PDB file of N, CA and C in Angstrom:
ATOM      1  N   MET A   1       0.851  -1.175   0.000  1.00  0.00           N
ATOM      2  CA  MET A   1       0.000   0.000   0.000  1.00  0.00           C
ATOM      3  C   MET A   1       0.895   1.235   0.000  1.00  0.00           C
ATOM      4  N   ALA A   2       0.938   1.929  -1.121  1.00  0.00           N
ATOM      5  CA  ALA A   2       1.846   3.059  -1.268  1.00  0.00           C
ATOM      6  C   ALA A   2       1.170   4.383  -0.920  1.00  0.00           C
ATOM      7  N   GLN A   3       1.987   5.308  -0.422  1.00  0.00           N
ATOM      8  CA  GLN A   3       1.506   6.655  -0.172  1.00  0.00           C
ATOM      9  C   GLN A   3       0.979   7.229  -1.488  1.00  0.00           C
ATOM     10  N   PHE A   4      -0.157   7.903  -1.409  1.00  0.00           N
ATOM     11  CA  PHE A   4      -0.857   8.536  -2.528  1.00  0.00           C
ATOM     12  C   PHE A   4      -1.587   7.554  -3.441  1.00  0.00           C
ATOM     13  N   ASP A   5      -1.653   6.274  -3.034  1.00  0.00           N
ATOM     14  CA  ASP A   5      -2.523   5.347  -3.752  1.00  0.00           C
ATOM     15  C   ASP A   5      -3.970   5.764  -3.524  1.00  0.00           C
ATOM     16  N   VAL A   6      -4.790   5.615  -4.553  1.00  0.00           N
ATOM     17  CA  VAL A   6      -6.210   5.943  -4.490  1.00  0.00           C
ATOM     18  C   VAL A   6      -6.993   4.637  -4.460  1.00  0.00           C
ATOM     19  N   TYR A   7      -7.965   4.574  -3.545  1.00  0.00           N
ATOM     20  CA  TYR A   7      -8.791   3.384  -3.369  1.00  0.00           C
ATOM     21  C   TYR A   7     -10.263   3.739  -3.512  1.00  0.00           C
ATOM     22  N   ALA A   8     -11.038   2.771  -3.947  1.00  0.00           N
ATOM     23  CA  ALA A   8     -12.487   2.924  -3.924  1.00  0.00           C
ATOM     24  C   ALA A   8     -12.894   3.139  -2.466  1.00  0.00           C
ATOM     25  N   ASN A   9     -13.833   4.034  -2.237  1.00  0.00           N
ATOM     26  CA  ASN A   9     -14.301   4.316  -0.884  1.00  0.00           C
ATOM     27  C   ASN A   9     -14.922   3.054  -0.288  1.00  0.00           C
ATOM     28  N   PRO A  10     -14.418   2.593   0.862  1.00  0.00           N
ATOM     29  CA  PRO A  10     -14.973   1.379   1.460  1.00  0.00           C
ATOM     30  C   PRO A  10     -16.362   1.589   2.074  1.00  0.00           C
ATOM     31  N   SER A  11     -16.778   2.834   2.235  1.00  0.00           N
ATOM     32  CA  SER A  11     -18.107   3.126   2.782  1.00  0.00           C
ATOM     33  C   SER A  11     -19.121   3.196   1.655  1.00  0.00           C
ATOM     34  N   GLU A  12     -19.902   2.161   1.506  1.00  0.00           N
ATOM     35  CA  GLU A  12     -20.890   2.124   0.427  1.00  0.00           C
ATOM     36  C   GLU A  12     -21.917   3.244   0.554  1.00  0.00           C
ATOM     37  N   SER A  13     -22.252   3.631   1.777  1.00  0.00           N
ATOM     38  CA  SER A  13     -23.264   4.669   1.970  1.00  0.00           C
ATOM     39  C   SER A  13     -22.760   6.057   1.556  1.00  0.00           C
ATOM     40  N   ALA A  14     -21.449   6.276   1.571  1.00  0.00           N
ATOM     41  CA  ALA A  14     -20.879   7.580   1.214  1.00  0.00           C
ATOM     42  C   ALA A  14     -20.278   7.599  -0.188  1.00  0.00           C
ATOM     43  N   ALA A  15     -20.195   6.461  -0.833  1.00  0.00           N
ATOM     44  CA  ALA A  15     -19.469   6.344  -2.098  1.00  0.00           C
ATOM     45  C   ALA A  15     -20.107   7.126  -3.246  1.00  0.00           C
ATOM     46  N   HIS A  16     -21.373   7.456  -3.154  1.00  0.00           N
ATOM     47  CA  HIS A  16     -22.009   8.205  -4.241  1.00  0.00           C
ATOM     48  C   HIS A  16     -21.365   9.586  -4.398  1.00  0.00           C
ATOM     49  N   GLY A  17     -21.194  10.319  -3.304  1.00  0.00           N
ATOM     50  CA  GLY A  17     -20.583  11.651  -3.348  1.00  0.00           C
ATOM     51  C   GLY A  17     -19.085  11.643  -3.153  1.00  0.00           C
ATOM     52  N   ILE A  18     -18.593  10.574  -2.523  1.00  0.00           N
ATOM     53  CA  ILE A  18     -17.157  10.445  -2.239  1.00  0.00           C
ATOM     54  C   ILE A  18     -16.719   9.063  -2.738  1.00  0.00           C
ATOM     55  N   PRO A  19     -16.445   8.963  -4.032  1.00  0.00           N
ATOM     56  CA  PRO A  19     -16.161   7.638  -4.596  1.00  0.00           C
ATOM     57  C   PRO A  19     -14.806   7.046  -4.229  1.00  0.00           C
ATOM     58  N   TYR A  20     -13.854   7.910  -3.815  1.00  0.00           N
ATOM     59  CA  TYR A  20     -12.496   7.427  -3.555  1.00  0.00           C
ATOM     60  C   TYR A  20     -11.910   8.069  -2.302  1.00  0.00           C
ATOM     61  N   VAL A  21     -10.843   7.445  -1.815  1.00  0.00           N
ATOM     62  CA  VAL A  21      -9.988   8.026  -0.778  1.00  0.00           C
ATOM     63  C   VAL A  21      -8.547   7.876  -1.244  1.00  0.00           C
ATOM     64  N   VAL A  22      -7.691   8.799  -0.812  1.00  0.00           N
ATOM     65  CA  VAL A  22      -6.268   8.711  -1.143  1.00  0.00           C
ATOM     66  C   VAL A  22      -5.483   8.559   0.161  1.00  0.00           C
ATOM     67  N   VAL A  23      -4.560   7.617   0.172  1.00  0.00           N
ATOM     68  CA  VAL A  23      -3.702   7.389   1.342  1.00  0.00           C
ATOM     69  C   VAL A  23      -2.628   8.470   1.358  1.00  0.00           C
ATOM     70  N   VAL A  24      -2.550   9.220   2.460  1.00  0.00           N
ATOM     71  CA  VAL A  24      -1.512  10.247   2.579  1.00  0.00           C
ATOM     72  C   VAL A  24      -0.457   9.862   3.618  1.00  0.00           C
ATOM     73  N   GLN A  25      -0.670   8.790   4.304  1.00  0.00           N
ATOM     74  CA  GLN A  25       0.259   8.313   5.330  1.00  0.00           C
ATOM     75  C   GLN A  25       1.566   7.841   4.698  1.00  0.00           C
ATOM     76  N   SER A  26       2.665   8.134   5.346  1.00  0.00           N
ATOM     77  CA  SER A  26       3.986   7.721   4.879  1.00  0.00           C
ATOM     78  C   SER A  26       4.100   6.201   4.814  1.00  0.00           C
ATOM     79  N   ASP A  27       4.804   5.724   3.803  1.00  0.00           N
ATOM     80  CA  ASP A  27       5.080   4.295   3.676  1.00  0.00           C
ATOM     81  C   ASP A  27       5.886   3.760   4.856  1.00  0.00           C
ATOM     82  N   LEU A  28       6.576   4.638   5.566  1.00  0.00           N
ATOM     83  CA  LEU A  28       7.376   4.208   6.723  1.00  0.00           C
ATOM     84  C   LEU A  28       6.508   3.699   7.868  1.00  0.00           C
ATOM     85  N   LEU A  29       5.206   3.960   7.803  1.00  0.00           N
ATOM     86  CA  LEU A  29       4.286   3.538   8.866  1.00  0.00           C
ATOM     87  C   LEU A  29       3.401   2.374   8.431  1.00  0.00           C
ATOM     88  N   ASP A  30       3.884   1.581   7.495  1.00  0.00           N
ATOM     89  CA  ASP A  30       3.098   0.455   6.977  1.00  0.00           C
ATOM     90  C   ASP A  30       2.747  -0.592   8.033  1.00  0.00           C
ATOM     91  N   ALA A  31       3.492  -0.661   9.120  1.00  0.00           N
ATOM     92  CA  ALA A  31       3.212  -1.653  10.153  1.00  0.00           C
ATOM     93  C   ALA A  31       1.921  -1.339  10.913  1.00  0.00           C
ATOM     94  N   LEU A  32       1.448  -0.106  10.829  1.00  0.00           N
ATOM     95  CA  LEU A  32       0.201   0.257  11.513  1.00  0.00           C
ATOM     96  C   LEU A  32      -0.994  -0.392  10.824  1.00  0.00           C
ATOM     97  N   ALA A  33      -2.038  -0.635  11.587  1.00  0.00           N
ATOM     98  CA  ALA A  33      -3.242  -1.278  11.051  1.00  0.00           C
ATOM     99  C   ALA A  33      -4.156  -0.296  10.331  1.00  0.00           C
ATOM    100  N   THR A  34      -3.846   0.991  10.427  1.00  0.00           N
ATOM    101  CA  THR A  34      -4.674   2.015   9.798  1.00  0.00           C
ATOM    102  C   THR A  34      -3.860   2.805   8.774  1.00  0.00           C
ATOM    103  N   ARG A  35      -4.582   3.518   7.903  1.00  0.00           N
ATOM    104  CA  ARG A  35      -3.956   4.418   6.940  1.00  0.00           C
ATOM    105  C   ARG A  35      -4.689   5.756   7.005  1.00  0.00           C
ATOM    106  N   MET A  36      -3.931   6.842   7.096  1.00  0.00           N
ATOM    107  CA  MET A  36      -4.516   8.178   7.072  1.00  0.00           C
ATOM    108  C   MET A  36      -4.935   8.474   5.640  1.00  0.00           C
ATOM    109  N   THR A  37      -6.178   8.871   5.460  1.00  0.00           N
ATOM    110  CA  THR A  37      -6.722   9.068   4.122  1.00  0.00           C
ATOM    111  C   THR A  37      -7.429  10.419   3.998  1.00  0.00           C
ATOM    112  N   ILE A  38      -7.472  10.910   2.766  1.00  0.00           N
ATOM    113  CA  ILE A  38      -8.258  12.095   2.423  1.00  0.00           C
ATOM    114  C   ILE A  38      -9.378  11.621   1.496  1.00  0.00           C
ATOM    115  N   PRO A  39     -10.623  11.964   1.811  1.00  0.00           N
ATOM    116  CA  PRO A  39     -11.718  11.615   0.904  1.00  0.00           C
ATOM    117  C   PRO A  39     -11.638  12.442  -0.381  1.00  0.00           C
ATOM    118  N   LEU A  40     -11.995  11.823  -1.492  1.00  0.00           N
ATOM    119  CA  LEU A  40     -12.030  12.493  -2.784  1.00  0.00           C
ATOM    120  C   LEU A  40     -13.486  12.565  -3.241  1.00  0.00           C
ATOM    121  N   ALA A  41     -14.022  13.772  -3.243  1.00  0.00           N
ATOM    122  CA  ALA A  41     -15.447  13.984  -3.512  1.00  0.00           C
ATOM    123  C   ALA A  41     -15.683  14.455  -4.941  1.00  0.00           C
ATOM    124  N   THR A  42     -16.864  14.129  -5.446  1.00  0.00           N
ATOM    125  CA  THR A  42     -17.250  14.642  -6.756  1.00  0.00           C
ATOM    126  C   THR A  42     -17.372  16.159  -6.667  1.00  0.00           C
ATOM    127  N   VAL A  43     -17.193  16.816  -7.789  1.00  0.00           N
ATOM    128  CA  VAL A  43     -17.285  18.275  -7.832  1.00  0.00           C
ATOM    129  C   VAL A  43     -18.680  18.720  -7.399  1.00  0.00           C
ATOM    130  N   GLU A  44     -19.699  17.991  -7.792  1.00  0.00           N
ATOM    131  CA  GLU A  44     -21.073  18.322  -7.410  1.00  0.00           C
ATOM    132  C   GLU A  44     -21.274  18.236  -5.903  1.00  0.00           C
ATOM    133  N   PHE A  45     -20.659  17.249  -5.268  1.00  0.00           N
ATOM    134  CA  PHE A  45     -20.791  17.040  -3.829  1.00  0.00           C
ATOM    135  C   PHE A  45     -20.097  18.151  -3.042  1.00  0.00           C
ATOM    136  N   ALA A  46     -19.001  18.673  -3.573  1.00  0.00           N
ATOM    137  CA  ALA A  46     -18.176  19.662  -2.862  1.00  0.00           C
ATOM    138  C   ALA A  46     -18.140  20.985  -3.622  1.00  0.00           C
ATOM    139  N   LYS A  47     -19.309  21.478  -4.040  1.00  0.00           N
ATOM    140  CA  LYS A  47     -19.408  22.680  -4.884  1.00  0.00           C
ATOM    141  C   LYS A  47     -18.720  23.907  -4.309  1.00  0.00           C
ATOM    142  N   LYS A  48     -18.952  24.213  -3.067  1.00  0.00           N
ATOM    143  CA  LYS A  48     -18.486  25.479  -2.491  1.00  0.00           C
ATOM    144  C   LYS A  48     -17.245  25.309  -1.611  1.00  0.00           C
ATOM    145  N   SER A  49     -16.377  24.434  -1.995  1.00  0.00           N
ATOM    146  CA  SER A  49     -15.181  24.161  -1.210  1.00  0.00           C
ATOM    147  C   SER A  49     -14.046  25.107  -1.596  1.00  0.00           C
ATOM    148  N   PRO A  50     -13.329  25.647  -0.598  1.00  0.00           N
ATOM    149  CA  PRO A  50     -12.187  26.522  -0.913  1.00  0.00           C
ATOM    150  C   PRO A  50     -11.055  25.732  -1.578  1.00  0.00           C
ATOM    151  N   ASP A  51     -10.463  26.315  -2.620  1.00  0.00           N
ATOM    152  CA  ASP A  51      -9.449  25.618  -3.412  1.00  0.00           C
ATOM    153  C   ASP A  51      -8.211  25.201  -2.626  1.00  0.00           C
ATOM    154  N   LYS A  52      -7.727  26.050  -1.721  1.00  0.00           N
ATOM    155  CA  LYS A  52      -6.504  25.703  -0.976  1.00  0.00           C
ATOM    156  C   LYS A  52      -6.751  24.532  -0.029  1.00  0.00           C
ATOM    157  N   LEU A  53      -7.934  24.475   0.556  1.00  0.00           N
ATOM    158  CA  LEU A  53      -8.279  23.412   1.498  1.00  0.00           C
ATOM    159  C   LEU A  53      -8.744  22.151   0.779  1.00  0.00           C
ATOM    160  N   CYS A  54      -9.396  22.335  -0.341  1.00  0.00           N
ATOM    161  CA  CYS A  54      -9.984  21.225  -1.093  1.00  0.00           C
ATOM    162  C   CYS A  54      -9.565  21.300  -2.557  1.00  0.00           C
ATOM    163  N   PRO A  55      -8.305  21.002  -2.835  1.00  0.00           N
ATOM    164  CA  PRO A  55      -7.817  21.144  -4.211  1.00  0.00           C
ATOM    165  C   PRO A  55      -8.449  20.133  -5.158  1.00  0.00           C
ATOM    166  N   MET A  56      -8.477  20.524  -6.413  1.00  0.00           N
ATOM    167  CA  MET A  56      -8.968  19.649  -7.463  1.00  0.00           C
ATOM    168  C   MET A  56      -7.860  18.670  -7.832  1.00  0.00           C
ATOM    169  N   VAL A  57      -8.225  17.392  -7.978  1.00  0.00           N
ATOM    170  CA  VAL A  57      -7.305  16.348  -8.436  1.00  0.00           C
ATOM    171  C   VAL A  57      -8.028  15.545  -9.516  1.00  0.00           C
ATOM    172  N   LYS A  58      -7.274  14.767 -10.258  1.00  0.00           N
ATOM    173  CA  LYS A  58      -7.868  13.917 -11.289  1.00  0.00           C
ATOM    174  C   LYS A  58      -7.548  12.459 -11.014  1.00  0.00           C
ATOM    175  N   VAL A  59      -8.584  11.630 -11.054  1.00  0.00           N
ATOM    176  CA  VAL A  59      -8.430  10.183 -10.925  1.00  0.00           C
ATOM    177  C   VAL A  59      -9.117   9.561 -12.136  1.00  0.00           C
ATOM    178  N   ASN A  60      -8.340   8.883 -12.957  1.00  0.00           N
ATOM    179  CA  ASN A  60      -8.873   8.237 -14.162  1.00  0.00           C
ATOM    180  C   ASN A  60      -9.723   9.192 -14.992  1.00  0.00           C
ATOM    181  N   GLY A  61      -9.253  10.428 -15.139  1.00  0.00           N
ATOM    182  CA  GLY A  61      -9.943  11.422 -15.944  1.00  0.00           C
ATOM    183  C   GLY A  61     -11.085  12.143 -15.248  1.00  0.00           C
ATOM    184  N   GLN A  62     -11.443  11.709 -14.049  1.00  0.00           N
ATOM    185  CA  GLN A  62     -12.537  12.343 -13.309  1.00  0.00           C
ATOM    186  C   GLN A  62     -11.987  13.420 -12.379  1.00  0.00           C
ATOM    187  N   ARG A  63     -12.547  14.631 -12.460  1.00  0.00           N
ATOM    188  CA  ARG A  63     -12.158  15.723 -11.569  1.00  0.00           C
ATOM    189  C   ARG A  63     -12.858  15.540 -10.223  1.00  0.00           C
ATOM    190  N   LEU A  64     -12.043  15.596  -9.164  1.00  0.00           N
ATOM    191  CA  LEU A  64     -12.545  15.407  -7.800  1.00  0.00           C
ATOM    192  C   LEU A  64     -11.934  16.456  -6.893  1.00  0.00           C
ATOM    193  N   ARG A  65     -12.561  16.675  -5.760  1.00  0.00           N
ATOM    194  CA  ARG A  65     -12.020  17.569  -4.741  1.00  0.00           C
ATOM    195  C   ARG A  65     -11.484  16.728  -3.585  1.00  0.00           C
ATOM    196  N   ALA A  66     -10.244  17.014  -3.180  1.00  0.00           N
ATOM    197  CA  ALA A  66      -9.637  16.357  -2.018  1.00  0.00           C
ATOM    198  C   ALA A  66     -10.086  17.129  -0.777  1.00  0.00           C
ATOM    199  N   LEU A  67     -10.870  16.509   0.065  1.00  0.00           N
ATOM    200  CA  LEU A  67     -11.426  17.163   1.251  1.00  0.00           C
ATOM    201  C   LEU A  67     -10.469  16.999   2.435  1.00  0.00           C
ATOM    202  N   ALA A  68      -9.418  17.806   2.440  1.00  0.00           N
ATOM    203  CA  ALA A  68      -8.354  17.666   3.442  1.00  0.00           C
ATOM    204  C   ALA A  68      -8.870  17.823   4.874  1.00  0.00           C
ATOM    205  N   HIS A  69      -9.904  18.629   5.079  1.00  0.00           N
ATOM    206  CA  HIS A  69     -10.439  18.838   6.427  1.00  0.00           C
ATOM    207  C   HIS A  69     -11.212  17.621   6.936  1.00  0.00           C
ATOM    208  N   TYR A  70     -11.444  16.630   6.078  1.00  0.00           N
ATOM    209  CA  TYR A  70     -12.068  15.372   6.485  1.00  0.00           C
ATOM    210  C   TYR A  70     -11.054  14.228   6.547  1.00  0.00           C
ATOM    211  N   THR A  71      -9.776  14.547   6.616  1.00  0.00           N
ATOM    212  CA  THR A  71      -8.743  13.516   6.718  1.00  0.00           C
ATOM    213  C   THR A  71      -9.022  12.635   7.931  1.00  0.00           C
ATOM    214  N   ALA A  72      -8.930  11.322   7.719  1.00  0.00           N
ATOM    215  CA  ALA A  72      -9.243  10.385   8.805  1.00  0.00           C
ATOM    216  C   ALA A  72      -8.546   9.050   8.570  1.00  0.00           C
ATOM    217  N   PRO A  73      -8.290   8.333   9.663  1.00  0.00           N
ATOM    218  CA  PRO A  73      -7.715   6.998   9.497  1.00  0.00           C
ATOM    219  C   PRO A  73      -8.800   5.989   9.112  1.00  0.00           C
ATOM    220  N   LEU A  74      -8.422   5.064   8.264  1.00  0.00           N
ATOM    221  CA  LEU A  74      -9.286   3.937   7.912  1.00  0.00           C
ATOM    222  C   LEU A  74      -8.502   2.655   8.142  1.00  0.00           C
ATOM    223  N   PRO A  75      -9.177   1.577   8.492  1.00  0.00           N
ATOM    224  CA  PRO A  75      -8.463   0.309   8.612  1.00  0.00           C
ATOM    225  C   PRO A  75      -7.834  -0.074   7.272  1.00  0.00           C
ATOM    226  N   ALA A  76      -6.576  -0.436   7.287  1.00  0.00           N
ATOM    227  CA  ALA A  76      -5.880  -0.809   6.046  1.00  0.00           C
ATOM    228  C   ALA A  76      -6.601  -1.949   5.347  1.00  0.00           C
ATOM    229  N   ARG A  77      -7.151  -2.864   6.107  1.00  0.00           N
ATOM    230  CA  ARG A  77      -7.819  -4.020   5.510  1.00  0.00           C
ATOM    231  C   ARG A  77      -9.079  -3.635   4.732  1.00  0.00           C
ATOM    232  N   SER A  78      -9.631  -2.433   5.005  1.00  0.00           N
ATOM    233  CA  SER A  78     -10.835  -2.006   4.285  1.00  0.00           C
ATOM    234  C   SER A  78     -10.509  -1.380   2.924  1.00  0.00           C
ATOM    235  N   LEU A  79      -9.245  -1.087   2.699  1.00  0.00           N
ATOM    236  CA  LEU A  79      -8.826  -0.484   1.433  1.00  0.00           C
ATOM    237  C   LEU A  79      -8.404  -1.603   0.501  1.00  0.00           C
ATOM    238  N   ARG A  80      -9.280  -1.950  -0.418  1.00  0.00           N
ATOM    239  CA  ARG A  80      -9.061  -3.157  -1.212  1.00  0.00           C
ATOM    240  C   ARG A  80      -8.763  -2.908  -2.678  1.00  0.00           C
ATOM    241  N   GLN A  81      -9.448  -1.975  -3.303  1.00  0.00           N
ATOM    242  CA  GLN A  81      -9.349  -1.809  -4.747  1.00  0.00           C
ATOM    243  C   GLN A  81      -8.579  -0.541  -5.110  1.00  0.00           C
ATOM    244  N   VAL A  82      -7.301  -0.699  -5.484  1.00  0.00           N
ATOM    245  CA  VAL A  82      -6.495   0.446  -5.930  1.00  0.00           C
ATOM    246  C   VAL A  82      -6.986   0.850  -7.317  1.00  0.00           C
ATOM    247  N   VAL A  83      -7.253   2.161  -7.475  1.00  0.00           N
ATOM    248  CA  VAL A  83      -7.749   2.641  -8.767  1.00  0.00           C
ATOM    249  C   VAL A  83      -6.809   3.660  -9.397  1.00  0.00           C
ATOM    250  N   GLY A  84      -5.760   4.040  -8.684  1.00  0.00           N
ATOM    251  CA  GLY A  84      -4.813   5.010  -9.225  1.00  0.00           C
ATOM    252  C   GLY A  84      -3.814   5.451  -8.184  1.00  0.00           C
ATOM    253  N   ASN A  85      -3.025   6.446  -8.544  1.00  0.00           N
ATOM    254  CA  ASN A  85      -2.030   7.000  -7.632  1.00  0.00           C
ATOM    255  C   ASN A  85      -1.889   8.487  -7.932  1.00  0.00           C
ATOM    256  N   LEU A  86      -1.877   9.297  -6.879  1.00  0.00           N
ATOM    257  CA  LEU A  86      -1.785  10.746  -7.026  1.00  0.00           C
ATOM    258  C   LEU A  86      -0.414  11.295  -6.655  1.00  0.00           C
ATOM    259  N   ALA A  87       0.628  10.470  -6.712  1.00  0.00           N
ATOM    260  CA  ALA A  87       1.975  10.942  -6.378  1.00  0.00           C
ATOM    261  C   ALA A  87       2.373  12.177  -7.191  1.00  0.00           C
ATOM    262  N   PRO A  88       2.008  12.282  -8.480  1.00  0.00           N
ATOM    263  CA  PRO A  88       2.352  13.501  -9.208  1.00  0.00           C
ATOM    264  C   PRO A  88       1.675  14.761  -8.651  1.00  0.00           C
ATOM    265  N   GLN A  89       0.628  14.582  -7.857  1.00  0.00           N
ATOM    266  CA  GLN A  89      -0.095  15.702  -7.263  1.00  0.00           C
ATOM    267  C   GLN A  89       0.156  15.797  -5.753  1.00  0.00           C
ATOM    268  N   ALA A  90       1.223  15.146  -5.297  1.00  0.00           N
ATOM    269  CA  ALA A  90       1.533  15.086  -3.869  1.00  0.00           C
ATOM    270  C   ALA A  90       1.682  16.470  -3.242  1.00  0.00           C
ATOM    271  N   SER A  91       2.355  17.379  -3.913  1.00  0.00           N
ATOM    272  CA  SER A  91       2.575  18.705  -3.323  1.00  0.00           C
ATOM    273  C   SER A  91       1.251  19.434  -3.102  1.00  0.00           C
ATOM    274  N   THR A  92       0.289  19.239  -3.977  1.00  0.00           N
ATOM    275  CA  THR A  92      -1.035  19.845  -3.817  1.00  0.00           C
ATOM    276  C   THR A  92      -1.745  19.272  -2.597  1.00  0.00           C
ATOM    277  N   LEU A  93      -1.666  17.963  -2.415  1.00  0.00           N
ATOM    278  CA  LEU A  93      -2.316  17.313  -1.271  1.00  0.00           C
ATOM    279  C   LEU A  93      -1.646  17.720   0.044  1.00  0.00           C
ATOM    280  N   ILE A  94      -0.326  17.772   0.043  1.00  0.00           N
ATOM    281  CA  ILE A  94       0.402  18.164   1.258  1.00  0.00           C
ATOM    282  C   ILE A  94       0.115  19.619   1.605  1.00  0.00           C
ATOM    283  N   ALA A  95       0.015  20.490   0.603  1.00  0.00           N
ATOM    284  CA  ALA A  95      -0.319  21.888   0.853  1.00  0.00           C
ATOM    285  C   ALA A  95      -1.706  22.011   1.483  1.00  0.00           C
ATOM    286  N   ALA A  96      -2.650  21.186   1.038  1.00  0.00           N
ATOM    287  CA  ALA A  96      -3.990  21.196   1.639  1.00  0.00           C
ATOM    288  C   ALA A  96      -3.941  20.735   3.093  1.00  0.00           C
ATOM    289  N   MET A  97      -3.113  19.733   3.377  1.00  0.00           N
ATOM    290  CA  MET A  97      -2.941  19.279   4.773  1.00  0.00           C
ATOM    291  C   MET A  97      -2.323  20.395   5.620  1.00  0.00           C
ATOM    292  N   ASP A  98      -1.397  21.141   5.047  1.00  0.00           N
ATOM    293  CA  ASP A  98      -0.803  22.276   5.754  1.00  0.00           C
ATOM    294  C   ASP A  98      -1.862  23.319   6.118  1.00  0.00           C
ATOM    295  N   VAL A  99      -2.832  23.528   5.232  1.00  0.00           N
ATOM    296  CA  VAL A  99      -3.917  24.460   5.530  1.00  0.00           C
ATOM    297  C   VAL A  99      -4.698  23.968   6.748  1.00  0.00           C
ATOM    298  N   VAL A 100      -4.953  22.662   6.817  1.00  0.00           N
ATOM    299  CA  VAL A 100      -5.687  22.104   7.955  1.00  0.00           C
ATOM    300  C   VAL A 100      -4.895  22.319   9.256  1.00  0.00           C
ATOM    301  N   VAL A 101      -3.599  22.075   9.200  1.00  0.00           N
ATOM    302  CA  VAL A 101      -2.777  22.146  10.412  1.00  0.00           C
ATOM    303  C   VAL A 101      -2.417  23.577  10.812  1.00  0.00           C
ATOM    304  N   SER A 102      -2.054  24.404   9.820  1.00  0.00           N
ATOM    305  CA  SER A 102      -1.549  25.740  10.146  1.00  0.00           C
ATOM    306  C   SER A 102      -2.539  26.870   9.838  1.00  0.00           C
ATOM    307  N   GLY A 103      -3.551  26.578   9.049  1.00  0.00           N
ATOM    308  CA  GLY A 103      -4.514  27.610   8.679  1.00  0.00           C
ATOM    309  C   GLY A 103      -4.038  28.512   7.576  1.00  0.00           C
ATOM    310  N   VAL A 104      -2.866  28.223   7.037  1.00  0.00           N
ATOM    311  CA  VAL A 104      -2.297  29.076   5.984  1.00  0.00           C
ATOM    312  C   VAL A 104      -2.318  28.348   4.669  1.00  0.00           C
TER     313      VAL A 104
END
């Protein structure tokens, strides 16, 4: 399970508006049973989201918003279907996390 891998949302009830999650946890913490993730929401679901906090990313051609303020751990075992990787957009995701932590 690599950092910035994108997985299908394991929550079936939330998957309509938030189809994916991206792992932002460092690979150095693979021994943990959980992975820190950012939900990736459809543009329609996250219409009025601020760009710095919720940057736009692309997964398989679909534009999504990374909801950094909803970052949460998920059990690693629940992340089953890898659908992509956002490593090329890592700096954007980390900048959004910085907004959550520092407010800047």
